[in-house]
Amino acid sequence: VLALHGENDFGSAKNDVITYYQTTIEQSRIDANQSSLAWMVAISSFKGGRTDPNVTDAQRAVIATVPNVFPGPNADDNPDPAFRLPDQLHYS
């Protein structure tokens, strides 16, 4: 499973973002009856021309501490407006 959600968490507290990811991952594993269901968490927080270190720090913490969670792509690496839609959030 790939989580690419950080833009929606922009402005949230780091601990709230960690809890969101932990809860979502745990529930998906319960629902799938797969206690070790693998996840990838993308580093993504770019919104309105800025990134949010609270969000990216939380994503990195989840990758480092939740079993069977791996780093996904870093979507914040390419903030070039040429690759974004006019909302400066989604890729074109």
C-alpha atoms as a PDB file:
ATOM      1  CA  VAL A   1       0.000   0.000   0.000  1.00  0.00           C
ATOM      2  CA  LEU A   2       1.323   3.458  -0.878  1.00  0.00           C
ATOM      3  CA  ALA A   3       0.270   6.428   1.242  1.00  0.00           C
ATOM      4  CA  LEU A   4       0.651   9.773  -0.505  1.00  0.00           C
ATOM      5  CA  HIS A   5      -1.378  11.997   1.764  1.00  0.00           C
ATOM      6  CA  GLY A   6       0.823  14.649   3.355  1.00  0.00           C
ATOM      7  CA  GLU A   7      -0.564  17.602   1.439  1.00  0.00           C
ATOM      8  CA  ASN A   8      -3.863  17.046   3.243  1.00  0.00           C
ATOM      9  CA  ASP A   9      -2.055  17.119   6.580  1.00  0.00           C
ATOM     10  CA  PHE A  10      -0.339  20.466   5.902  1.00  0.00           C
ATOM     11  CA  GLY A  11      -0.527  22.605   9.045  1.00  0.00           C
ATOM     12  CA  SER A  12      -1.214  19.665  11.368  1.00  0.00           C
ATOM     13  CA  ALA A  13       0.778  18.883  14.479  1.00  0.00           C
ATOM     14  CA  LYS A  14       3.475  16.232  14.065  1.00  0.00           C
ATOM     15  CA  ASN A  15       1.954  13.912  16.682  1.00  0.00           C
ATOM     16  CA  ASP A  16      -1.476  14.150  15.037  1.00  0.00           C
ATOM     17  CA  VAL A  17       0.010  13.097  11.705  1.00  0.00           C
ATOM     18  CA  ILE A  18       1.874  10.194  13.319  1.00  0.00           C
ATOM     19  CA  THR A  19      -1.325   9.027  15.018  1.00  0.00           C
ATOM     20  CA  TYR A  20      -3.265   9.281  11.741  1.00  0.00           C
ATOM     21  CA  TYR A  21      -0.759   7.089   9.897  1.00  0.00           C
ATOM     22  CA  GLN A  22      -0.423   4.567  12.740  1.00  0.00           C
ATOM     23  CA  THR A  23      -4.192   4.223  13.083  1.00  0.00           C
ATOM     24  CA  THR A  24      -4.759   3.904   9.341  1.00  0.00           C
ATOM     25  CA  ILE A  25      -2.009   1.308   8.909  1.00  0.00           C
ATOM     26  CA  GLU A  26      -3.183  -0.702  11.916  1.00  0.00           C
ATOM     27  CA  GLN A  27      -6.810  -0.700  10.759  1.00  0.00           C
ATOM     28  CA  SER A  28      -5.880  -1.708   7.204  1.00  0.00           C
ATOM     29  CA  ARG A  29      -3.960  -4.674   8.570  1.00  0.00           C
ATOM     30  CA  ILE A  30      -6.946  -5.704  10.668  1.00  0.00           C
ATOM     31  CA  ASP A  31      -9.367  -5.296   7.744  1.00  0.00           C
ATOM     32  CA  ALA A  32      -7.114  -7.273   5.391  1.00  0.00           C
ATOM     33  CA  ASN A  33      -6.395  -9.909   8.038  1.00  0.00           C
ATOM     34  CA  GLN A  34      -2.709  -9.360   7.229  1.00  0.00           C
ATOM     35  CA  SER A  35      -0.849  -8.347  10.371  1.00  0.00           C
ATOM     36  CA  SER A  36       2.297  -7.520   8.410  1.00  0.00           C
ATOM     37  CA  LEU A  37       0.708  -5.845   5.380  1.00  0.00           C
ATOM     38  CA  ALA A  38       3.484  -3.727   3.870  1.00  0.00           C
ATOM     39  CA  TRP A  39       3.087   0.013   3.471  1.00  0.00           C
ATOM     40  CA  MET A  40       5.129   2.683   1.766  1.00  0.00           C
ATOM     41  CA  VAL A  41       4.794   6.221   3.077  1.00  0.00           C
ATOM     42  CA  ALA A  42       5.688   8.948   0.608  1.00  0.00           C
ATOM     43  CA  ILE A  43       7.329  12.120   1.815  1.00  0.00           C
ATOM     44  CA  SER A  44       4.759  14.646   0.722  1.00  0.00           C
ATOM     45  CA  SER A  45       3.722  17.970   2.186  1.00  0.00           C
ATOM     46  CA  PHE A  46       4.094  20.504  -0.644  1.00  0.00           C
ATOM     47  CA  LYS A  47       1.151  22.883  -0.748  1.00  0.00           C
ATOM     48  CA  GLY A  48       0.878  26.490  -1.834  1.00  0.00           C
ATOM     49  CA  GLY A  49       4.543  26.674  -2.732  1.00  0.00           C
ATOM     50  CA  ARG A  50       5.770  25.473   0.666  1.00  0.00           C
ATOM     51  CA  THR A  51       6.532  22.261   2.517  1.00  0.00           C
ATOM     52  CA  ASP A  52       5.607  21.434   6.113  1.00  0.00           C
ATOM     53  CA  PRO A  53       8.402  19.971   8.264  1.00  0.00           C
ATOM     54  CA  ASN A  54       5.895  18.772  10.881  1.00  0.00           C
ATOM     55  CA  VAL A  55       4.330  16.533   8.252  1.00  0.00           C
ATOM     56  CA  THR A  56       7.560  15.237   6.735  1.00  0.00           C
ATOM     57  CA  ASP A  57       9.101  14.624  10.169  1.00  0.00           C
ATOM     58  CA  ALA A  58       5.988  12.635  11.098  1.00  0.00           C
ATOM     59  CA  GLN A  59       6.173  10.611   7.897  1.00  0.00           C
ATOM     60  CA  ARG A  60       9.830   9.801   8.548  1.00  0.00           C
ATOM     61  CA  ALA A  61       9.017   8.833  12.153  1.00  0.00           C
ATOM     62  CA  VAL A  62       6.324   6.410  10.985  1.00  0.00           C
ATOM     63  CA  ILE A  63       8.729   4.879   8.449  1.00  0.00           C
ATOM     64  CA  ALA A  64      11.354   4.471  11.187  1.00  0.00           C
ATOM     65  CA  THR A  65       9.124   3.065  13.920  1.00  0.00           C
ATOM     66  CA  VAL A  66       6.179   1.145  12.450  1.00  0.00           C
ATOM     67  CA  PRO A  67       7.094  -2.409  11.401  1.00  0.00           C
ATOM     68  CA  ASN A  68       6.966  -3.228   7.689  1.00  0.00           C
ATOM     69  CA  VAL A  69       6.615   0.417   6.647  1.00  0.00           C
ATOM     70  CA  PHE A  70       9.061   1.599   4.011  1.00  0.00           C
ATOM     71  CA  PRO A  71       9.968   4.944   2.465  1.00  0.00           C
ATOM     72  CA  GLY A  72       8.032   5.817  -0.649  1.00  0.00           C
ATOM     73  CA  PRO A  73       8.855   8.531  -3.162  1.00  0.00           C
ATOM     74  CA  ASN A  74       9.737  12.024  -2.031  1.00  0.00           C
ATOM     75  CA  ALA A  75       7.065  14.091  -3.761  1.00  0.00           C
ATOM     76  CA  ASP A  76       8.476  17.281  -2.240  1.00  0.00           C
ATOM     77  CA  ASP A  77      11.648  16.910  -4.287  1.00  0.00           C
ATOM     78  CA  ASN A  78      10.072  18.511  -7.334  1.00  0.00           C
ATOM     79  CA  PRO A  79       8.287  21.749  -6.450  1.00  0.00           C
ATOM     80  CA  ASP A  80       8.838  23.128  -9.974  1.00  0.00           C
ATOM     81  CA  PRO A  81       5.554  24.813 -11.014  1.00  0.00           C
ATOM     82  CA  ALA A  82       6.008  23.406 -14.525  1.00  0.00           C
ATOM     83  CA  PHE A  83       5.147  19.970 -13.128  1.00  0.00           C
ATOM     84  CA  ARG A  84       2.206  21.107 -11.012  1.00  0.00           C
ATOM     85  CA  LEU A  85      -1.356  22.021 -11.864  1.00  0.00           C
ATOM     86  CA  PRO A  86      -2.425  25.631 -11.235  1.00  0.00           C
ATOM     87  CA  ASP A  87      -3.447  24.657  -7.676  1.00  0.00           C
ATOM     88  CA  GLN A  88       0.305  24.132  -6.985  1.00  0.00           C
ATOM     89  CA  LEU A  89      -0.618  20.875  -5.255  1.00  0.00           C
ATOM     90  CA  HIS A  90      -1.304  18.177  -7.839  1.00  0.00           C
ATOM     91  CA  TYR A  91       1.083  17.038 -10.532  1.00  0.00           C
ATOM     92  CA  SER A  92       0.173  17.769 -14.128  1.00  0.00           C
END
